[in-house]
Protein backbone atom coordinates (compact mmCIF):
# COMPACT_ATOMS: atom_id res chain seq x y z
CA MET A 1 -44.95 82.97 -67.35
CA THR A 2 -43.53 80.68 -64.68
CA PRO A 3 -44.26 76.95 -64.44
CA SER A 4 -46.13 77.51 -61.19
CA HIS A 5 -48.34 80.12 -62.86
CA LEU A 6 -49.14 77.75 -65.73
CA PHE A 7 -50.57 75.15 -63.36
CA ASP A 8 -52.11 77.43 -60.72
CA LEU A 9 -55.83 76.71 -60.16
CA THR A 10 -56.34 79.09 -57.23
CA GLY A 11 -59.93 80.32 -57.00
CA GLN A 12 -61.34 77.67 -59.32
CA VAL A 13 -64.07 75.19 -58.42
CA ALA A 14 -63.35 71.66 -59.65
CA VAL A 15 -65.80 68.75 -59.60
CA VAL A 16 -64.33 65.25 -59.81
CA THR A 17 -66.64 62.23 -60.05
CA GLY A 18 -65.63 58.78 -58.89
CA ALA A 19 -63.20 60.57 -56.59
CA SER A 20 -63.44 58.42 -53.46
CA ARG A 21 -60.61 56.15 -54.64
CA GLY A 22 -58.30 55.24 -57.50
CA ILE A 23 -57.68 57.59 -60.41
CA GLY A 24 -60.41 59.99 -59.33
CA GLU A 25 -58.95 60.38 -55.86
CA SER A 26 -55.49 61.06 -57.29
CA ILE A 27 -56.93 63.69 -59.63
CA ALA A 28 -58.85 65.36 -56.80
CA ARG A 29 -55.74 65.53 -54.63
CA LEU A 30 -53.57 67.04 -57.38
CA LEU A 31 -56.15 69.66 -58.37
CA ALA A 32 -56.48 70.66 -54.72
CA ALA A 33 -52.69 70.88 -54.42
CA ALA A 34 -52.75 73.21 -57.42
CA GLY A 35 -55.13 75.52 -55.54
CA ALA A 36 -58.59 74.47 -56.68
CA HIS A 37 -61.56 74.04 -54.36
CA VAL A 38 -62.37 70.41 -55.12
CA VAL A 39 -65.81 68.88 -54.87
CA VAL A 40 -65.26 65.16 -54.27
CA VAL A 41 -68.14 63.23 -55.81
CA SER A 42 -69.02 59.54 -55.74
CA ARG A 43 -72.01 57.36 -54.93
CA LYS A 44 -71.29 57.03 -51.21
CA LEU A 45 -70.90 60.18 -49.15
CA ALA A 46 -68.68 58.57 -46.49
CA GLY A 47 -65.98 57.72 -49.00
CA CYS A 48 -66.12 61.20 -50.51
CA GLU A 49 -65.91 62.84 -47.11
CA ALA A 50 -62.86 60.77 -46.16
CA VAL A 51 -60.98 62.05 -49.21
CA ALA A 52 -62.19 65.62 -48.73
CA GLU A 53 -61.17 65.58 -45.07
CA SER A 54 -57.73 64.27 -45.99
CA ILE A 55 -57.31 67.10 -48.51
CA ARG A 56 -58.38 69.67 -45.93
CA ALA A 57 -55.98 68.19 -43.38
CA THR A 58 -53.06 68.97 -45.69
CA GLY A 59 -54.17 72.57 -46.27
CA GLY A 60 -56.31 72.08 -49.35
CA ARG A 61 -59.90 73.09 -49.96
CA ALA A 62 -62.42 70.33 -50.54
CA GLU A 63 -65.97 69.24 -49.85
CA ALA A 64 -67.94 66.06 -50.43
CA LEU A 65 -71.18 65.52 -52.33
CA ALA A 66 -72.80 62.18 -53.14
CA CYS A 67 -74.08 61.48 -56.65
CA HIS A 68 -74.72 58.33 -58.67
CA ILE A 69 -74.22 59.61 -62.21
CA GLY A 70 -76.26 56.72 -63.56
CA GLU A 71 -79.34 58.45 -62.09
CA LEU A 72 -80.50 61.63 -63.83
CA GLU A 73 -82.33 62.86 -60.74
CA GLN A 74 -79.11 62.69 -58.76
CA ILE A 75 -77.21 64.56 -61.48
CA ASP A 76 -79.77 67.36 -61.36
CA ALA A 77 -79.61 67.48 -57.56
CA LEU A 78 -75.82 67.69 -57.68
CA TRP A 79 -75.82 70.63 -60.08
CA GLN A 80 -78.48 72.41 -58.06
CA ALA A 81 -76.29 72.06 -54.97
CA LEU A 82 -73.26 73.33 -56.87
CA ARG A 83 -75.16 76.41 -58.08
CA GLU A 84 -76.40 77.16 -54.58
CA ARG A 85 -73.02 76.66 -52.90
CA HIS A 86 -70.68 78.19 -55.47
CA GLY A 87 -72.64 79.74 -58.33
CA ARG A 88 -70.04 78.43 -60.74
CA VAL A 89 -67.97 75.41 -61.75
CA ASP A 90 -64.70 75.91 -63.60
CA ILE A 91 -63.54 72.32 -63.98
CA LEU A 92 -65.41 69.03 -64.40
CA VAL A 93 -63.62 65.69 -64.46
CA ASN A 94 -65.95 62.86 -65.49
CA ASN A 95 -64.19 59.87 -64.00
CA ALA A 96 -66.88 57.67 -62.41
CA ALA A 97 -67.47 54.56 -64.49
CA ALA A 98 -69.12 51.15 -64.50
CA ASN A 99 -67.75 47.85 -65.76
CA PRO A 100 -69.95 45.15 -64.22
CA TYR A 101 -69.35 42.47 -66.85
CA PHE A 102 -66.19 40.63 -67.89
CA GLY A 103 -66.76 37.91 -70.47
CA PRO A 104 -67.74 37.12 -74.07
CA ILE A 105 -69.45 40.09 -75.71
CA ALA A 106 -72.42 38.12 -77.06
CA ALA A 107 -73.22 36.85 -73.58
CA THR A 108 -73.54 40.33 -72.08
CA ASP A 109 -76.48 40.41 -69.69
CA PRO A 110 -79.06 43.14 -70.49
CA GLY A 111 -78.79 44.48 -66.96
CA ALA A 112 -75.01 44.81 -67.15
CA PHE A 113 -75.36 46.37 -70.61
CA GLN A 114 -77.80 48.99 -69.34
CA LYS A 115 -75.80 49.82 -66.22
CA THR A 116 -72.63 50.34 -68.25
CA VAL A 117 -74.39 52.57 -70.77
CA ASP A 118 -76.25 54.53 -68.09
CA VAL A 119 -73.08 55.48 -66.23
CA ASN A 120 -70.41 55.63 -68.93
CA ILE A 121 -72.42 57.32 -71.69
CA ARG A 122 -75.61 58.84 -70.31
CA GLY A 123 -73.95 59.92 -67.07
CA TYR A 124 -71.00 61.59 -68.79
CA PHE A 125 -73.30 63.21 -71.32
CA PHE A 126 -75.67 64.84 -68.86
CA MET A 127 -72.90 65.80 -66.44
CA SER A 128 -71.22 67.55 -69.35
CA ALA A 129 -74.45 69.14 -70.56
CA ARG A 130 -75.13 70.61 -67.12
CA ALA A 131 -71.51 71.77 -66.88
CA VAL A 132 -71.35 73.63 -70.18
CA THR A 133 -74.64 75.37 -69.42
CA LEU A 134 -73.24 76.77 -66.18
CA MET A 135 -69.70 77.37 -67.46
CA ALA A 136 -70.96 79.39 -70.40
CA THR A 137 -72.52 81.91 -68.02
CA HIS A 138 -69.24 82.83 -66.32
CA GLY A 139 -66.65 82.87 -69.08
CA GLY A 140 -65.82 79.25 -69.80
CA GLY A 141 -64.18 76.26 -68.19
CA ALA A 142 -62.61 72.88 -68.79
CA ILE A 143 -63.99 69.35 -68.91
CA VAL A 144 -61.94 66.17 -68.88
CA ASN A 145 -63.57 62.85 -69.66
CA VAL A 146 -61.75 59.76 -68.45
CA SER A 147 -62.11 57.31 -71.31
CA SER A 148 -59.75 54.35 -71.81
CA VAL A 149 -57.36 52.86 -74.30
CA ASN A 150 -60.18 50.35 -74.73
CA GLY A 151 -62.08 53.10 -76.51
CA LEU A 152 -59.58 52.79 -79.36
CA LEU A 153 -58.55 49.16 -79.03
CA PRO A 154 -61.30 47.03 -77.43
CA GLY A 155 -60.13 44.95 -74.50
CA ALA A 156 -60.61 41.20 -74.42
CA PHE A 157 -63.86 40.27 -72.65
CA GLN A 158 -64.60 43.96 -72.10
CA GLY A 159 -66.90 44.49 -75.07
CA ILE A 160 -69.64 46.75 -73.75
CA TYR A 161 -67.20 48.69 -71.56
CA SER A 162 -64.98 49.29 -74.60
CA ILE A 163 -67.97 50.39 -76.66
CA THR A 164 -68.99 52.97 -74.06
CA LYS A 165 -65.44 54.29 -73.79
CA ALA A 166 -65.33 54.74 -77.57
CA ALA A 167 -68.53 56.75 -77.23
CA VAL A 168 -66.84 58.93 -74.60
CA ILE A 169 -64.12 59.81 -77.12
CA SER A 170 -66.70 60.86 -79.70
CA MET A 171 -68.66 62.75 -77.02
CA THR A 172 -65.51 64.61 -76.00
CA GLN A 173 -64.90 65.80 -79.54
CA ALA A 174 -68.55 66.75 -80.10
CA PHE A 175 -68.71 68.89 -76.94
CA ALA A 176 -65.29 70.40 -77.73
CA LYS A 177 -66.34 71.47 -81.20
CA GLU A 178 -69.70 72.92 -80.18
CA HIS A 179 -68.61 74.74 -77.03
CA ALA A 180 -65.26 76.20 -78.05
CA LYS A 181 -67.22 79.39 -78.76
CA ASP A 182 -68.07 79.51 -75.04
CA ALA A 183 -64.37 79.25 -74.06
CA ILE A 184 -65.01 75.72 -72.77
CA ARG A 185 -62.29 73.20 -73.52
CA VAL A 186 -63.16 69.49 -73.52
CA ASN A 187 -60.51 66.78 -73.61
CA ALA A 188 -60.19 63.09 -72.79
CA LEU A 189 -57.69 61.03 -70.82
CA LEU A 190 -57.19 57.46 -72.04
CA PRO A 191 -55.60 55.44 -69.23
CA GLY A 192 -53.87 52.19 -69.91
CA PRO A 193 -53.76 49.34 -67.38
CA THR A 194 -53.79 50.96 -63.93
CA ASP A 195 -53.61 49.43 -60.46
CA THR A 196 -57.05 50.29 -59.09
CA LYS A 197 -59.87 48.36 -57.48
CA PHE A 198 -61.90 49.06 -60.63
CA ALA A 199 -59.35 47.14 -62.71
CA ALA A 200 -58.80 44.36 -60.18
CA THR A 201 -60.16 41.69 -62.54
CA ILE A 202 -57.16 42.34 -64.78
CA VAL A 203 -54.45 43.68 -62.49
CA HIS A 204 -54.86 41.12 -59.72
CA ASN A 205 -55.19 38.06 -61.96
CA PRO A 206 -51.62 36.91 -62.75
CA ASP A 207 -52.55 35.11 -65.97
CA ILE A 208 -54.56 38.00 -67.40
CA LEU A 209 -52.00 40.55 -66.22
CA GLN A 210 -49.17 38.69 -67.93
CA MET A 211 -51.14 38.65 -71.17
CA VAL A 212 -51.82 42.40 -70.92
CA LEU A 213 -48.25 43.36 -70.04
CA GLN A 214 -47.01 41.67 -73.21
CA HIS A 215 -48.57 44.64 -74.98
CA VAL A 216 -47.18 47.35 -72.68
CA PRO A 217 -43.67 48.46 -73.73
CA LEU A 218 -42.96 49.94 -70.29
CA GLY A 219 -43.66 46.48 -68.87
CA ARG A 220 -45.84 47.43 -65.90
CA VAL A 221 -49.22 48.78 -64.94
CA ALA A 222 -49.59 52.43 -63.96
CA MET A 223 -50.31 53.77 -60.52
CA PRO A 224 -53.32 56.11 -60.19
CA ASP A 225 -51.09 59.12 -59.48
CA GLU A 226 -49.57 58.74 -62.94
CA MET A 227 -52.88 59.73 -64.53
CA ALA A 228 -53.42 62.96 -62.62
CA GLY A 229 -50.72 65.06 -64.29
CA ALA A 230 -52.37 64.83 -67.71
CA VAL A 231 -55.62 66.09 -66.20
CA LEU A 232 -53.85 69.04 -64.57
CA TYR A 233 -52.40 69.95 -67.95
CA PHE A 234 -55.81 69.81 -69.62
CA VAL A 235 -57.55 72.03 -67.06
CA SER A 236 -54.78 74.59 -66.46
CA ARG A 237 -53.34 77.51 -68.41
CA ALA A 238 -50.71 75.10 -69.70
CA GLY A 239 -53.42 73.50 -71.84
CA SER A 240 -55.18 76.71 -72.85
CA TYR A 241 -54.99 75.91 -76.59
CA THR A 242 -55.87 72.23 -76.25
CA THR A 243 -59.41 71.04 -76.89
CA GLY A 244 -60.84 67.89 -78.43
CA ALA A 245 -57.63 66.01 -77.62
CA CYS A 246 -57.65 62.37 -76.51
CA LEU A 247 -54.41 61.59 -74.69
CA PRO A 248 -53.33 57.99 -74.04
CA VAL A 249 -51.38 57.56 -70.81
CA ASP A 250 -50.76 53.89 -71.33
CA GLY A 251 -47.09 52.90 -71.12
CA GLY A 252 -47.07 52.52 -74.89
CA TYR A 253 -49.98 50.06 -75.03
CA LEU A 254 -51.48 51.54 -78.18
CA ILE A 255 -48.22 51.44 -80.10
CA ALA A 256 -47.11 47.97 -79.06
């Protein structure tokens, strides 16, 4: 088996949430380059369409669908559209996330608490539940949940976000164990500090960034593209015997 065969996704339908920018966009672009038909999903259709159009312009296959995964009605509408358009989904990457609060854990506002839980736990859960139901009918598939190193080592002033990312790790393992019989593999990516708009509070604050980088042996933050390769491994033939794994891509943050 050649390396190109191991990572070939030709003919597969891949759904990537939070794909209008950052890590999600990088994942969508790499999966398309590997041959998948990528459904670019985020809250705002215009941003999704811009990424999808860019993929198509370089010879890839992509389309855009809007969905706020914090809203169950929108999740159901998304999966109905996917069934009608494709009849199947082979790959789901749960990447969309919320982190509206940065501060002392005990001062977390109830609204920020609920928004973070709704997107990061409930959204991932019901996206995954809809995915395994459809995947099981056509021979299996692969799910990747984008968690965080904060799910294992809570970040300073990121209490509720860290709690939800820990839940994503447990969720990944629970779905992996229960749906291995359906030939569905479920794994998690745990990014370390990454230069995205989502992480701007940390990455673009020199004082906070300096504090964080003291714990990163590689001495720098990652670029979004550096996360995509791990996802390609998880969803391709190269990762065919990998399920329930939680892979840190963190510059050594968790060992520092």
